[in-house]
Amino acid sequence: MLWFSIVISLFKFDTTSYLMEQSEEATREATRSTEAATQQLTQATQKSTQAKKRQTRGKKKG
């Protein structure tokens, strides 16, 4: 009976470790995705700002 308890304990520990590992990997992937989306948004905002400045300059000259 003692061996059975030990095996169950090891299985629980192994399962917990595996789930923690999977959770950490999912967190890293979500962080990478968020950083990429933030970078794309920043670039789009910069392009939009530059386009607005060009439009404003064009209106002043005209």
PDB file of N, CA and C in Angstrom:
ATOM      1  N   MET A   1       0.828  -1.202   0.000  1.00  0.00           N
ATOM      2  CA  MET A   1       0.000   0.000   0.000  1.00  0.00           C
ATOM      3  C   MET A   1       0.871   1.264   0.000  1.00  0.00           C
ATOM      4  N   LEU A   2       1.997   1.177   0.688  1.00  0.00           N
ATOM      5  CA  LEU A   2       2.908   2.325   0.742  1.00  0.00           C
ATOM      6  C   LEU A   2       3.435   2.657  -0.657  1.00  0.00           C
ATOM      7  N   TRP A   3       3.776   1.635  -1.435  1.00  0.00           N
ATOM      8  CA  TRP A   3       4.265   1.862  -2.787  1.00  0.00           C
ATOM      9  C   TRP A   3       3.219   2.553  -3.647  1.00  0.00           C
ATOM     10  N   PHE A   4       2.000   2.141  -3.459  1.00  0.00           N
ATOM     11  CA  PHE A   4       0.907   2.749  -4.208  1.00  0.00           C
ATOM     12  C   PHE A   4       0.824   4.245  -3.899  1.00  0.00           C
ATOM     13  N   SER A   5       0.932   4.599  -2.631  1.00  0.00           N
ATOM     14  CA  SER A   5       0.891   6.009  -2.216  1.00  0.00           C
ATOM     15  C   SER A   5       2.055   6.794  -2.813  1.00  0.00           C
ATOM     16  N   ILE A   6       3.218   6.163  -2.832  1.00  0.00           N
ATOM     17  CA  ILE A   6       4.399   6.828  -3.389  1.00  0.00           C
ATOM     18  C   ILE A   6       4.216   7.066  -4.889  1.00  0.00           C
ATOM     19  N   VAL A   7       3.729   6.064  -5.594  1.00  0.00           N
ATOM     20  CA  VAL A   7       3.509   6.192  -7.037  1.00  0.00           C
ATOM     21  C   VAL A   7       2.489   7.289  -7.329  1.00  0.00           C
ATOM     22  N   ILE A   8       1.409   7.312  -6.575  1.00  0.00           N
ATOM     23  CA  ILE A   8       0.382   8.349  -6.758  1.00  0.00           C
ATOM     24  C   ILE A   8       0.973   9.730  -6.487  1.00  0.00           C
ATOM     25  N   SER A   9       1.765   9.862  -5.433  1.00  0.00           N
ATOM     26  CA  SER A   9       2.390  11.148  -5.102  1.00  0.00           C
ATOM     27  C   SER A   9       3.317  11.610  -6.222  1.00  0.00           C
ATOM     28  N   LEU A  10       4.111  10.681  -6.754  1.00  0.00           N
ATOM     29  CA  LEU A  10       5.013  11.034  -7.855  1.00  0.00           C
ATOM     30  C   LEU A  10       4.232  11.434  -9.097  1.00  0.00           C
ATOM     31  N   PHE A  11       3.159  10.733  -9.377  1.00  0.00           N
ATOM     32  CA  PHE A  11       2.325  11.063 -10.528  1.00  0.00           C
ATOM     33  C   PHE A  11       1.731  12.461 -10.378  1.00  0.00           C
ATOM     34  N   LYS A  12       1.240  12.768  -9.182  1.00  0.00           N
ATOM     35  CA  LYS A  12       0.667  14.104  -8.935  1.00  0.00           C
ATOM     36  C   LYS A  12       1.729  15.179  -9.118  1.00  0.00           C
ATOM     37  N   PHE A  13       2.928  14.929  -8.582  1.00  0.00           N
ATOM     38  CA  PHE A  13       4.011  15.898  -8.704  1.00  0.00           C
ATOM     39  C   PHE A  13       4.382  16.093 -10.170  1.00  0.00           C
ATOM     40  N   ASP A  14       4.502  14.991 -10.912  1.00  0.00           N
ATOM     41  CA  ASP A  14       4.870  15.060 -12.325  1.00  0.00           C
ATOM     42  C   ASP A  14       3.807  15.808 -13.130  1.00  0.00           C
ATOM     43  N   THR A  15       2.555  15.531 -12.841  1.00  0.00           N
ATOM     44  CA  THR A  15       1.454  16.198 -13.544  1.00  0.00           C
ATOM     45  C   THR A  15       1.458  17.694 -13.247  1.00  0.00           C
ATOM     46  N   THR A  16       1.654  18.038 -11.983  1.00  0.00           N
ATOM     47  CA  THR A  16       1.695  19.450 -11.588  1.00  0.00           C
ATOM     48  C   THR A  16       2.852  20.163 -12.282  1.00  0.00           C
ATOM     49  N   SER A  17       4.012  19.526 -12.308  1.00  0.00           N
ATOM     50  CA  SER A  17       5.177  20.124 -12.977  1.00  0.00           C
ATOM     51  C   SER A  17       4.898  20.348 -14.455  1.00  0.00           C
ATOM     52  N   TYR A  18       4.294  19.353 -15.082  1.00  0.00           N
ATOM     53  CA  TYR A  18       3.972  19.452 -16.510  1.00  0.00           C
ATOM     54  C   TYR A  18       3.002  20.606 -16.764  1.00  0.00           C
ATOM     55  N   LEU A  19       1.961  20.697 -15.948  1.00  0.00           N
ATOM     56  CA  LEU A  19       0.970  21.759 -16.129  1.00  0.00           C
ATOM     57  C   LEU A  19       1.582  23.137 -15.897  1.00  0.00           C
ATOM     58  N   MET A  20       2.465  23.243 -14.918  1.00  0.00           N
ATOM     59  CA  MET A  20       3.134  24.524 -14.669  1.00  0.00           C
ATOM     60  C   MET A  20       4.005  24.900 -15.863  1.00  0.00           C
ATOM     61  N   GLU A  21       4.698  23.910 -16.418  1.00  0.00           N
ATOM     62  CA  GLU A  21       5.538  24.147 -17.586  1.00  0.00           C
ATOM     63  C   GLU A  21       4.695  24.634 -18.771  1.00  0.00           C
ATOM     64  N   GLN A  22       3.571  23.985 -18.996  1.00  0.00           N
ATOM     65  CA  GLN A  22       2.675  24.368 -20.092  1.00  0.00           C
ATOM     66  C   GLN A  22       2.130  25.778 -19.878  1.00  0.00           C
ATOM     67  N   SER A  23       1.794  26.094 -18.644  1.00  0.00           N
ATOM     68  CA  SER A  23       1.271  27.419 -18.317  1.00  0.00           C
ATOM     69  C   SER A  23       2.327  28.496 -18.571  1.00  0.00           C
ATOM     70  N   GLU A  24       3.557  28.212 -18.168  1.00  0.00           N
ATOM     71  CA  GLU A  24       4.643  29.169 -18.389  1.00  0.00           C
ATOM     72  C   GLU A  24       4.886  29.389 -19.883  1.00  0.00           C
ATOM     73  N   GLU A  25       4.843  28.313 -20.662  1.00  0.00           N
ATOM     74  CA  GLU A  25       5.042  28.435 -22.112  1.00  0.00           C
ATOM     75  C   GLU A  25       3.910  29.240 -22.746  1.00  0.00           C
ATOM     76  N   ALA A  26       2.690  28.999 -22.301  1.00  0.00           N
ATOM     77  CA  ALA A  26       1.542  29.757 -22.822  1.00  0.00           C
ATOM     78  C   ALA A  26       1.684  31.240 -22.479  1.00  0.00           C
ATOM     79  N   THR A  27       2.174  31.525 -21.282  1.00  0.00           N
ATOM     80  CA  THR A  27       2.384  32.916 -20.870  1.00  0.00           C
ATOM     81  C   THR A  27       3.451  33.574 -21.738  1.00  0.00           C
ATOM     82  N   ARG A  28       4.539  32.848 -21.997  1.00  0.00           N
ATOM     83  CA  ARG A  28       5.603  33.403 -22.853  1.00  0.00           C
ATOM     84  C   ARG A  28       5.074  33.686 -24.261  1.00  0.00           C
ATOM     85  N   GLU A  29       4.295  32.763 -24.797  1.00  0.00           N
ATOM     86  CA  GLU A  29       3.734  32.940 -26.147  1.00  0.00           C
ATOM     87  C   GLU A  29       2.782  34.132 -26.185  1.00  0.00           C
ATOM     88  N   ALA A  30       1.959  34.268 -25.155  1.00  0.00           N
ATOM     89  CA  ALA A  30       1.029  35.403 -25.094  1.00  0.00           C
ATOM     90  C   ALA A  30       1.801  36.718 -25.007  1.00  0.00           C
ATOM     91  N   THR A  31       2.887  36.717 -24.259  1.00  0.00           N
ATOM     92  CA  THR A  31       3.715  37.919 -24.141  1.00  0.00           C
ATOM     93  C   THR A  31       4.323  38.283 -25.492  1.00  0.00           C
ATOM     94  N   ARG A  32       4.841  37.274 -26.210  1.00  0.00           N
ATOM     95  CA  ARG A  32       5.415  37.537 -27.542  1.00  0.00           C
ATOM     96  C   ARG A  32       4.355  38.107 -28.484  1.00  0.00           C
ATOM     97  N   SER A  33       3.175  37.531 -28.455  1.00  0.00           N
ATOM     98  CA  SER A  33       2.090  38.007 -29.329  1.00  0.00           C
ATOM     99  C   SER A  33       1.700  39.438 -28.988  1.00  0.00           C
ATOM    100  N   THR A  34       1.609  39.727 -27.700  1.00  0.00           N
ATOM    101  CA  THR A  34       1.242  41.073 -27.257  1.00  0.00           C
ATOM    102  C   THR A  34       2.304  42.082 -27.674  1.00  0.00           C
ATOM    103  N   GLU A  35       3.575  41.715 -27.513  1.00  0.00           N
ATOM    104  CA  GLU A  35       4.656  42.620 -27.903  1.00  0.00           C
ATOM    105  C   GLU A  35       4.637  42.885 -29.407  1.00  0.00           C
ATOM    106  N   ALA A  36       4.382  41.849 -30.192  1.00  0.00           N
ATOM    107  CA  ALA A  36       4.323  42.024 -31.650  1.00  0.00           C
ATOM    108  C   ALA A  36       3.156  42.925 -32.035  1.00  0.00           C
ATOM    109  N   ALA A  37       2.007  42.721 -31.410  1.00  0.00           N
ATOM    110  CA  ALA A  37       0.833  43.553 -31.710  1.00  0.00           C
ATOM    111  C   ALA A  37       1.080  45.000 -31.299  1.00  0.00           C
ATOM    112  N   THR A  38       1.727  45.200 -30.169  1.00  0.00           N
ATOM    113  CA  THR A  38       2.038  46.553 -29.702  1.00  0.00           C
ATOM    114  C   THR A  38       2.978  47.245 -30.682  1.00  0.00           C
ATOM    115  N   GLN A  39       3.965  46.511 -31.173  1.00  0.00           N
ATOM    116  CA  GLN A  39       4.908  47.080 -32.141  1.00  0.00           C
ATOM    117  C   GLN A  39       4.183  47.469 -33.430  1.00  0.00           C
ATOM    118  N   GLN A  40       3.292  46.615 -33.903  1.00  0.00           N
ATOM    119  CA  GLN A  40       2.534  46.928 -35.120  1.00  0.00           C
ATOM    120  C   GLN A  40       1.650  48.150 -34.911  1.00  0.00           C
ATOM    121  N   LEU A  41       1.021  48.238 -33.757  1.00  0.00           N
ATOM    122  CA  LEU A  41       0.162  49.384 -33.451  1.00  0.00           C
ATOM    123  C   LEU A  41       0.982  50.670 -33.392  1.00  0.00           C
ATOM    124  N   THR A  42       2.152  50.598 -32.784  1.00  0.00           N
ATOM    125  CA  THR A  42       3.030  51.767 -32.699  1.00  0.00           C
ATOM    126  C   THR A  42       3.437  52.232 -34.093  1.00  0.00           C
ATOM    127  N   GLN A  43       3.812  51.285 -34.948  1.00  0.00           N
ATOM    128  CA  GLN A  43       4.207  51.644 -36.314  1.00  0.00           C
ATOM    129  C   GLN A  43       3.042  52.253 -37.089  1.00  0.00           C
ATOM    130  N   ALA A  44       1.862  51.685 -36.933  1.00  0.00           N
ATOM    131  CA  ALA A  44       0.685  52.219 -37.631  1.00  0.00           C
ATOM    132  C   ALA A  44       0.356  53.626 -37.138  1.00  0.00           C
ATOM    133  N   THR A  45       0.495  53.839 -35.841  1.00  0.00           N
ATOM    134  CA  THR A  45       0.230  55.163 -35.266  1.00  0.00           C
ATOM    135  C   THR A  45       1.227  56.185 -35.806  1.00  0.00           C
ATOM    136  N   GLN A  46       2.501  55.793 -35.884  1.00  0.00           N
ATOM    137  CA  GLN A  46       3.523  56.699 -36.408  1.00  0.00           C
ATOM    138  C   GLN A  46       3.248  57.053 -37.868  1.00  0.00           C
ATOM    139  N   LYS A  47       2.876  56.059 -38.666  1.00  0.00           N
ATOM    140  CA  LYS A  47       2.570  56.320 -40.079  1.00  0.00           C
ATOM    141  C   LYS A  47       1.369  57.243 -40.211  1.00  0.00           C
ATOM    142  N   SER A  48       0.365  57.028 -39.383  1.00  0.00           N
ATOM    143  CA  SER A  48      -0.837  57.864 -39.414  1.00  0.00           C
ATOM    144  C   SER A  48      -0.492  59.303 -39.032  1.00  0.00           C
ATOM    145  N   THR A  49       0.324  59.454 -38.012  1.00  0.00           N
ATOM    146  CA  THR A  49       0.732  60.790 -37.567  1.00  0.00           C
ATOM    147  C   THR A  49       1.510  61.503 -38.669  1.00  0.00           C
ATOM    148  N   GLN A  50       2.415  60.776 -39.325  1.00  0.00           N
ATOM    149  CA  GLN A  50       3.190  61.373 -40.418  1.00  0.00           C
ATOM    150  C   GLN A  50       2.280  61.783 -41.572  1.00  0.00           C
ATOM    151  N   ALA A  51       1.298  60.958 -41.887  1.00  0.00           N
ATOM    152  CA  ALA A  51       0.364  61.283 -42.975  1.00  0.00           C
ATOM    153  C   ALA A  51      -0.448  62.525 -42.625  1.00  0.00           C
ATOM    154  N   LYS A  52      -0.873  62.643 -41.384  1.00  0.00           N
ATOM    155  CA  LYS A  52      -1.644  63.821 -40.960  1.00  0.00           C
ATOM    156  C   LYS A  52      -0.791  65.083 -41.043  1.00  0.00           C
ATOM    157  N   LYS A  53       0.488  64.957 -40.675  1.00  0.00           N
ATOM    158  CA  LYS A  53       1.385  66.114 -40.765  1.00  0.00           C
ATOM    159  C   LYS A  53       1.546  66.549 -42.219  1.00  0.00           C
ATOM    160  N   ARG A  54       1.671  65.575 -43.127  1.00  0.00           N
ATOM    161  CA  ARG A  54       1.802  65.911 -44.548  1.00  0.00           C
ATOM    162  C   ARG A  54       0.536  66.593 -45.057  1.00  0.00           C
ATOM    163  N   GLN A  55      -0.625  66.109 -44.628  1.00  0.00           N
ATOM    164  CA  GLN A  55      -1.895  66.719 -45.043  1.00  0.00           C
ATOM    165  C   GLN A  55      -1.978  68.150 -44.533  1.00  0.00           C
ATOM    166  N   THR A  56      -1.580  68.352 -43.292  1.00  0.00           N
ATOM    167  CA  THR A  56      -1.636  69.690 -42.693  1.00  0.00           C
ATOM    168  C   THR A  56      -0.701  70.638 -43.433  1.00  0.00           C
ATOM    169  N   ARG A  57       0.510  70.168 -43.746  1.00  0.00           N
ATOM    170  CA  ARG A  57       1.460  70.999 -44.485  1.00  0.00           C
ATOM    171  C   ARG A  57       0.917  71.336 -45.868  1.00  0.00           C
ATOM    172  N   GLY A  58       0.277  70.382 -46.513  1.00  0.00           N
ATOM    173  CA  GLY A  58      -0.293  70.602 -47.842  1.00  0.00           C
ATOM    174  C   GLY A  58      -1.396  71.639 -47.813  1.00  0.00           C
ATOM    175  N   LYS A  59      -2.197  71.643 -46.781  1.00  0.00           N
ATOM    176  CA  LYS A  59      -3.294  72.612 -46.668  1.00  0.00           C
ATOM    177  C   LYS A  59      -2.760  74.017 -46.429  1.00  0.00           C
ATOM    178  N   LYS A  60      -1.683  74.135 -45.654  1.00  0.00           N
ATOM    179  CA  LYS A  60      -1.114  75.452 -45.370  1.00  0.00           C
ATOM    180  C   LYS A  60      -0.523  76.072 -46.634  1.00  0.00           C
ATOM    181  N   LYS A  61       0.104  75.249 -47.465  1.00  0.00           N
ATOM    182  CA  LYS A  61       0.723  75.757 -48.695  1.00  0.00           C
ATOM    183  C   LYS A  61      -0.338  76.182 -49.704  1.00  0.00           C
ATOM    184  N   GLY A  62      -1.459  75.446 -49.728  1.00  0.00           N
ATOM    185  CA  GLY A  62      -2.504  75.711 -50.719  1.00  0.00           C
ATOM    186  C   GLY A  62      -3.298  76.905 -50.359  1.00  0.00           C
TER     187      GLY A  62
END
